[in-house]
N, C-alpha and C. Protein backbone atom coordinates (compact mmCIF):
# COMPACT_ATOMS: atom_id res chain seq x y z
N MET A 1 63.01 -51.14 -25.50
CA MET A 1 63.35 -50.04 -24.66
C MET A 1 62.44 -48.84 -24.97
N ARG A 2 62.25 -48.61 -26.22
CA ARG A 2 61.38 -47.52 -26.63
C ARG A 2 59.95 -47.79 -26.13
N ALA A 3 59.48 -49.01 -26.22
CA ALA A 3 58.14 -49.36 -25.78
C ALA A 3 58.02 -49.16 -24.27
N GLN A 4 59.07 -49.49 -23.55
CA GLN A 4 59.06 -49.33 -22.10
C GLN A 4 58.97 -47.84 -21.75
N LYS A 5 59.68 -46.97 -22.48
CA LYS A 5 59.63 -45.53 -22.22
C LYS A 5 58.23 -45.00 -22.54
N GLU A 6 57.63 -45.53 -23.60
CA GLU A 6 56.28 -45.09 -23.95
C GLU A 6 55.28 -45.50 -22.88
N VAL A 7 55.44 -46.69 -22.34
CA VAL A 7 54.56 -47.16 -21.27
C VAL A 7 54.76 -46.30 -20.03
N GLU A 8 56.01 -46.01 -19.67
CA GLU A 8 56.29 -45.16 -18.51
C GLU A 8 55.72 -43.76 -18.72
N HIS A 9 55.88 -43.24 -19.94
CA HIS A 9 55.35 -41.92 -20.27
C HIS A 9 53.81 -41.93 -20.17
N TRP A 10 53.21 -43.00 -20.69
CA TRP A 10 51.75 -43.12 -20.64
C TRP A 10 51.27 -43.21 -19.18
N ARG A 11 52.00 -43.99 -18.34
CA ARG A 11 51.66 -44.09 -16.91
C ARG A 11 51.80 -42.74 -16.22
N ALA A 12 52.85 -42.02 -16.53
CA ALA A 12 53.06 -40.71 -15.92
C ALA A 12 51.94 -39.75 -16.31
N GLU A 13 51.56 -39.79 -17.59
CA GLU A 13 50.45 -38.94 -18.05
C GLU A 13 49.15 -39.34 -17.37
N GLU A 14 48.93 -40.63 -17.24
CA GLU A 14 47.72 -41.14 -16.60
C GLU A 14 47.69 -40.73 -15.13
N GLU A 15 48.82 -40.85 -14.44
CA GLU A 15 48.90 -40.43 -13.03
C GLU A 15 48.67 -38.93 -12.90
N ALA A 16 49.23 -38.15 -13.80
CA ALA A 16 49.04 -36.69 -13.78
C ALA A 16 47.57 -36.36 -14.02
N ARG A 17 46.95 -37.06 -14.99
CA ARG A 17 45.54 -36.83 -15.28
C ARG A 17 44.67 -37.20 -14.08
N GLN A 18 44.97 -38.32 -13.43
CA GLN A 18 44.22 -38.74 -12.25
C GLN A 18 44.40 -37.75 -11.10
N LYS A 19 45.64 -37.25 -10.97
CA LYS A 19 45.91 -36.26 -9.92
C LYS A 19 45.10 -35.00 -10.15
N VAL A 20 45.04 -34.54 -11.40
CA VAL A 20 44.25 -33.35 -11.74
C VAL A 20 42.77 -33.61 -11.48
N GLU A 21 42.30 -34.81 -11.87
CA GLU A 21 40.90 -35.16 -11.63
C GLU A 21 40.59 -35.18 -10.14
N GLU A 22 41.51 -35.72 -9.33
CA GLU A 22 41.34 -35.75 -7.87
C GLU A 22 41.26 -34.33 -7.31
N GLU A 23 42.15 -33.45 -7.79
CA GLU A 23 42.14 -32.06 -7.32
C GLU A 23 40.83 -31.37 -7.69
N VAL A 24 40.38 -31.59 -8.93
CA VAL A 24 39.11 -31.00 -9.37
C VAL A 24 37.96 -31.54 -8.53
N LYS A 25 37.98 -32.86 -8.29
CA LYS A 25 36.93 -33.49 -7.49
C LYS A 25 36.96 -32.94 -6.06
N CYS A 26 38.14 -32.79 -5.50
CA CYS A 26 38.29 -32.26 -4.14
C CYS A 26 37.78 -30.83 -4.08
N LYS A 27 38.15 -30.01 -5.07
CA LYS A 27 37.68 -28.62 -5.10
C LYS A 27 36.16 -28.57 -5.24
N ALA A 28 35.62 -29.46 -6.06
CA ALA A 28 34.16 -29.51 -6.23
C ALA A 28 33.47 -29.88 -4.93
N GLU A 29 34.03 -30.86 -4.20
CA GLU A 29 33.46 -31.26 -2.92
C GLU A 29 33.51 -30.11 -1.91
N VAL A 30 34.64 -29.40 -1.90
CA VAL A 30 34.77 -28.25 -1.00
C VAL A 30 33.73 -27.18 -1.37
N GLU A 31 33.55 -26.95 -2.66
CA GLU A 31 32.58 -25.95 -3.12
C GLU A 31 31.16 -26.37 -2.75
N VAL A 32 30.85 -27.64 -2.92
CA VAL A 32 29.52 -28.14 -2.54
C VAL A 32 29.30 -27.97 -1.04
N GLN A 33 30.32 -28.30 -0.27
CA GLN A 33 30.22 -28.16 1.19
C GLN A 33 30.03 -26.70 1.58
N ARG A 34 30.78 -25.80 0.93
CA ARG A 34 30.67 -24.37 1.22
C ARG A 34 29.27 -23.87 0.90
N ARG A 35 28.74 -24.28 -0.25
CA ARG A 35 27.39 -23.86 -0.63
C ARG A 35 26.34 -24.43 0.31
N ALA A 36 26.54 -25.65 0.75
CA ALA A 36 25.60 -26.26 1.70
C ALA A 36 25.60 -25.48 3.02
N GLU A 37 26.78 -25.06 3.47
CA GLU A 37 26.87 -24.27 4.70
C GLU A 37 26.15 -22.93 4.53
N VAL A 38 26.33 -22.30 3.37
CA VAL A 38 25.65 -21.03 3.11
C VAL A 38 24.13 -21.25 3.09
N LEU A 39 23.69 -22.32 2.47
CA LEU A 39 22.25 -22.61 2.43
C LEU A 39 21.69 -22.85 3.83
N VAL A 40 22.45 -23.52 4.67
CA VAL A 40 22.01 -23.75 6.05
C VAL A 40 21.83 -22.42 6.76
N VAL A 41 22.80 -21.52 6.59
CA VAL A 41 22.70 -20.20 7.22
C VAL A 41 21.47 -19.45 6.71
N VAL A 42 21.23 -19.51 5.39
CA VAL A 42 20.07 -18.83 4.80
C VAL A 42 18.77 -19.42 5.34
N VAL A 43 18.69 -20.74 5.41
CA VAL A 43 17.48 -21.39 5.91
C VAL A 43 17.23 -21.02 7.37
N VAL A 44 18.26 -21.04 8.19
CA VAL A 44 18.12 -20.68 9.60
C VAL A 44 17.65 -19.23 9.72
N GLU A 45 18.23 -18.34 8.93
CA GLU A 45 17.83 -16.93 8.98
C GLU A 45 16.37 -16.77 8.55
N MET A 46 15.96 -17.51 7.54
CA MET A 46 14.56 -17.44 7.10
C MET A 46 13.62 -17.97 8.17
N GLN A 47 14.03 -19.02 8.86
CA GLN A 47 13.22 -19.55 9.96
C GLN A 47 13.11 -18.53 11.08
N ASN A 48 14.23 -17.86 11.39
CA ASN A 48 14.21 -16.83 12.43
C ASN A 48 13.28 -15.67 12.03
N MET A 49 13.35 -15.28 10.76
CA MET A 49 12.48 -14.20 10.29
C MET A 49 11.01 -14.61 10.38
N ALA A 50 10.71 -15.85 10.03
CA ALA A 50 9.33 -16.33 10.13
C ALA A 50 8.87 -16.35 11.58
N MET A 51 9.75 -16.76 12.48
CA MET A 51 9.42 -16.77 13.90
C MET A 51 9.17 -15.34 14.39
N ASP A 52 10.02 -14.40 13.96
CA ASP A 52 9.83 -13.00 14.34
C ASP A 52 8.48 -12.49 13.84
N ARG A 53 8.13 -12.85 12.60
CA ARG A 53 6.84 -12.41 12.06
C ARG A 53 5.68 -12.99 12.87
N ARG A 54 5.82 -14.25 13.28
CA ARG A 54 4.76 -14.85 14.10
C ARG A 54 4.64 -14.14 15.45
N HIS A 55 5.79 -13.83 16.06
CA HIS A 55 5.76 -13.11 17.34
C HIS A 55 5.14 -11.72 17.16
N MET A 56 5.50 -11.04 16.07
CA MET A 56 4.93 -9.71 15.82
C MET A 56 3.42 -9.81 15.60
N ALA A 57 2.98 -10.85 14.90
CA ALA A 57 1.54 -11.03 14.67
C ALA A 57 0.82 -11.27 15.99
N VAL A 58 1.42 -12.07 16.85
CA VAL A 58 0.81 -12.33 18.16
C VAL A 58 0.75 -11.04 18.97
N GLU A 59 1.84 -10.28 18.97
CA GLU A 59 1.86 -9.01 19.71
C GLU A 59 0.86 -8.03 19.12
N SER A 60 0.78 -7.97 17.81
CA SER A 60 -0.17 -7.08 17.15
C SER A 60 -1.60 -7.46 17.52
N HIS A 61 -1.86 -8.75 17.55
CA HIS A 61 -3.19 -9.22 17.93
C HIS A 61 -3.49 -8.83 19.38
N ALA A 62 -2.51 -8.99 20.25
CA ALA A 62 -2.70 -8.62 21.66
C ALA A 62 -2.96 -7.12 21.78
N GLN A 63 -2.22 -6.31 21.03
CA GLN A 63 -2.44 -4.86 21.05
C GLN A 63 -3.85 -4.53 20.56
N MET A 64 -4.27 -5.21 19.51
CA MET A 64 -5.61 -4.98 18.97
C MET A 64 -6.67 -5.35 20.01
N GLU A 65 -6.47 -6.46 20.70
CA GLU A 65 -7.41 -6.87 21.74
C GLU A 65 -7.47 -5.83 22.86
N ARG A 66 -6.30 -5.31 23.26
CA ARG A 66 -6.29 -4.27 24.29
C ARG A 66 -7.03 -3.02 23.81
N MET A 67 -6.80 -2.64 22.55
CA MET A 67 -7.47 -1.47 22.00
C MET A 67 -8.98 -1.68 21.94
N LEU A 68 -9.41 -2.87 21.53
CA LEU A 68 -10.84 -3.16 21.49
C LEU A 68 -11.45 -3.10 22.89
N GLY A 69 -10.71 -3.59 23.87
CA GLY A 69 -11.18 -3.50 25.25
C GLY A 69 -11.32 -2.05 25.69
N THR A 70 -10.34 -1.23 25.33
CA THR A 70 -10.40 0.19 25.67
C THR A 70 -11.58 0.85 24.97
N LEU A 71 -11.79 0.53 23.71
CA LEU A 71 -12.92 1.11 22.97
C LEU A 71 -14.25 0.67 23.56
N ASP A 72 -14.34 -0.60 23.98
CA ASP A 72 -15.56 -1.07 24.64
C ASP A 72 -15.80 -0.29 25.92
N PHE A 73 -14.74 -0.06 26.69
CA PHE A 73 -14.85 0.70 27.93
C PHE A 73 -15.33 2.11 27.64
N LEU A 74 -14.71 2.75 26.64
CA LEU A 74 -15.09 4.12 26.29
C LEU A 74 -16.52 4.19 25.77
N GLN A 75 -16.92 3.20 25.02
CA GLN A 75 -18.29 3.18 24.50
C GLN A 75 -19.28 3.13 25.66
N GLY A 76 -18.93 2.41 26.70
CA GLY A 76 -19.80 2.35 27.87
C GLY A 76 -19.88 3.67 28.60
N CYS A 77 -18.89 4.54 28.43
CA CYS A 77 -18.88 5.84 29.08
C CYS A 77 -19.63 6.90 28.29
N LEU A 78 -19.98 6.61 27.06
CA LEU A 78 -20.63 7.61 26.21
C LEU A 78 -22.12 7.69 26.50
N ASP A 79 -22.67 8.87 26.25
CA ASP A 79 -24.10 9.09 26.39
C ASP A 79 -24.79 8.43 25.21
N PRO A 80 -25.63 7.42 25.43
CA PRO A 80 -26.25 6.72 24.31
C PRO A 80 -27.24 7.58 23.53
N GLU A 81 -27.72 8.69 24.13
CA GLU A 81 -28.69 9.54 23.46
C GLU A 81 -28.03 10.67 22.68
N PHE A 82 -26.70 10.81 22.77
CA PHE A 82 -26.01 11.88 22.06
C PHE A 82 -25.99 11.60 20.56
N THR A 83 -26.35 12.61 19.79
CA THR A 83 -26.24 12.51 18.33
C THR A 83 -25.59 13.78 17.82
N LEU A 84 -24.71 13.64 16.92
CA LEU A 84 -24.01 14.76 16.31
C LEU A 84 -24.93 15.42 15.31
N GLU A 85 -25.02 16.73 15.38
CA GLU A 85 -25.87 17.45 14.43
C GLU A 85 -25.22 17.42 13.06
N GLU A 86 -26.04 17.25 12.04
CA GLU A 86 -25.53 17.21 10.67
C GLU A 86 -24.83 18.50 10.32
N GLY A 87 -23.61 18.41 9.85
CA GLY A 87 -22.86 19.57 9.37
C GLY A 87 -22.44 20.54 10.45
N SER A 88 -22.61 20.20 11.71
CA SER A 88 -22.30 21.15 12.78
C SER A 88 -20.83 21.51 12.81
N GLU A 89 -19.98 20.60 12.39
CA GLU A 89 -18.55 20.89 12.42
C GLU A 89 -18.17 21.92 11.36
N GLU A 90 -19.03 22.14 10.38
CA GLU A 90 -18.71 23.09 9.31
C GLU A 90 -19.31 24.46 9.55
N ASP A 91 -20.21 24.62 10.53
CA ASP A 91 -20.92 25.87 10.75
C ASP A 91 -20.14 26.86 11.60
N PHE A 92 -19.02 26.47 12.17
CA PHE A 92 -18.29 27.34 13.07
C PHE A 92 -17.50 28.39 12.30
N GLU A 93 -17.52 29.59 12.83
CA GLU A 93 -16.70 30.67 12.28
C GLU A 93 -15.30 30.55 12.88
N GLU A 94 -14.34 31.14 12.22
CA GLU A 94 -12.96 31.07 12.68
C GLU A 94 -12.81 31.67 14.08
N GLU A 95 -13.53 32.76 14.35
CA GLU A 95 -13.45 33.41 15.67
C GLU A 95 -14.00 32.49 16.75
N GLU A 96 -15.09 31.78 16.43
CA GLU A 96 -15.68 30.86 17.41
C GLU A 96 -14.71 29.73 17.74
N VAL A 97 -14.02 29.24 16.72
CA VAL A 97 -13.05 28.17 16.92
C VAL A 97 -11.92 28.66 17.81
N ALA A 98 -11.42 29.87 17.56
CA ALA A 98 -10.33 30.43 18.37
C ALA A 98 -10.78 30.61 19.81
N GLU A 99 -12.01 31.11 20.00
CA GLU A 99 -12.54 31.31 21.35
C GLU A 99 -12.69 29.97 22.08
N ALA A 100 -13.18 28.96 21.37
CA ALA A 100 -13.34 27.63 21.97
C ALA A 100 -11.98 27.05 22.35
N ALA A 101 -10.97 27.30 21.52
CA ALA A 101 -9.63 26.80 21.83
C ALA A 101 -9.09 27.46 23.09
N LYS A 102 -9.33 28.77 23.24
CA LYS A 102 -8.88 29.48 24.45
C LYS A 102 -9.58 28.91 25.68
N GLU A 103 -10.89 28.71 25.56
CA GLU A 103 -11.64 28.15 26.69
C GLU A 103 -11.13 26.76 27.05
N ARG A 104 -10.85 25.96 26.02
CA ARG A 104 -10.34 24.61 26.25
C ARG A 104 -9.00 24.66 26.97
N GLU A 105 -8.12 25.56 26.56
CA GLU A 105 -6.82 25.70 27.22
C GLU A 105 -6.99 26.12 28.67
N ALA A 106 -7.93 27.05 28.92
CA ALA A 106 -8.18 27.50 30.29
C ALA A 106 -8.70 26.33 31.13
N LEU A 107 -9.64 25.57 30.57
CA LEU A 107 -10.16 24.41 31.30
C LEU A 107 -9.10 23.35 31.51
N LYS A 108 -8.25 23.21 30.52
CA LYS A 108 -7.17 22.23 30.62
C LYS A 108 -6.24 22.59 31.77
N GLY A 109 -5.92 23.87 31.88
CA GLY A 109 -5.06 24.33 32.97
C GLY A 109 -5.70 24.07 34.32
N GLN A 110 -7.01 24.32 34.43
CA GLN A 110 -7.72 24.07 35.68
C GLN A 110 -7.75 22.58 36.00
N SER A 111 -8.04 21.78 34.99
CA SER A 111 -8.16 20.35 35.24
C SER A 111 -6.81 19.73 35.59
N GLU A 112 -5.72 20.26 35.04
CA GLU A 112 -4.40 19.74 35.39
C GLU A 112 -4.07 20.03 36.84
N GLU A 113 -4.51 21.18 37.34
CA GLU A 113 -4.26 21.51 38.74
C GLU A 113 -5.07 20.62 39.67
N GLU A 114 -6.29 20.28 39.25
CA GLU A 114 -7.18 19.49 40.09
C GLU A 114 -6.98 17.99 39.93
N ALA A 115 -6.36 17.60 38.84
CA ALA A 115 -6.27 16.17 38.50
C ALA A 115 -5.42 15.41 39.49
N GLU A 116 -5.88 14.20 39.80
CA GLU A 116 -5.11 13.28 40.61
C GLU A 116 -4.74 12.10 39.73
N PRO A 117 -3.57 11.50 39.95
CA PRO A 117 -3.22 10.35 39.13
C PRO A 117 -4.19 9.20 39.35
N GLY A 118 -4.44 8.47 38.29
CA GLY A 118 -5.33 7.32 38.38
C GLY A 118 -6.25 7.28 37.18
N PRO A 119 -7.05 6.25 37.09
CA PRO A 119 -7.94 6.11 35.93
C PRO A 119 -9.07 7.14 35.98
N LEU A 120 -9.54 7.54 34.83
CA LEU A 120 -10.65 8.46 34.75
C LEU A 120 -11.94 7.73 35.08
N PRO A 121 -12.84 8.39 35.82
CA PRO A 121 -14.10 7.73 36.14
C PRO A 121 -14.99 7.66 34.91
N CYS A 122 -15.81 6.67 34.87
CA CYS A 122 -16.76 6.51 33.77
C CYS A 122 -18.08 7.09 34.24
N VAL A 123 -18.53 8.16 33.59
CA VAL A 123 -19.75 8.83 34.00
C VAL A 123 -20.75 8.72 32.87
N LEU A 124 -21.88 8.13 33.16
CA LEU A 124 -22.94 8.03 32.17
C LEU A 124 -23.92 9.16 32.39
N THR A 125 -24.21 9.88 31.31
CA THR A 125 -25.18 10.97 31.42
C THR A 125 -26.39 10.63 30.58
N LYS A 126 -27.53 11.06 31.06
CA LYS A 126 -28.77 10.77 30.32
C LYS A 126 -29.46 12.06 29.98
């Protein structure tokens, strides 16, 4: 009788131990699944960020191409014989700069009155 109780006690302990192991295993599986889901979200977000960077690079390249085209157009409008005098930007007196600014504002006012919408003409001077 005592041996039978010991066997029953041992079986009960074994069942309890197996139940605990099953619970631990189940919790571990849930944790692994949760981490896998988080990793999937992180990977998808990283892929989206990489795609955004590629789109931005393409757009940046397109903007650069447009700017280069504009610069090429402007270069064609410049007088090829024009050369900037050495140090000329430093020889101006403060009064001359103020007077030039006033003249520029006056011309700007006149040109705004005369201006028509549309692209500026390209005039080559020789």
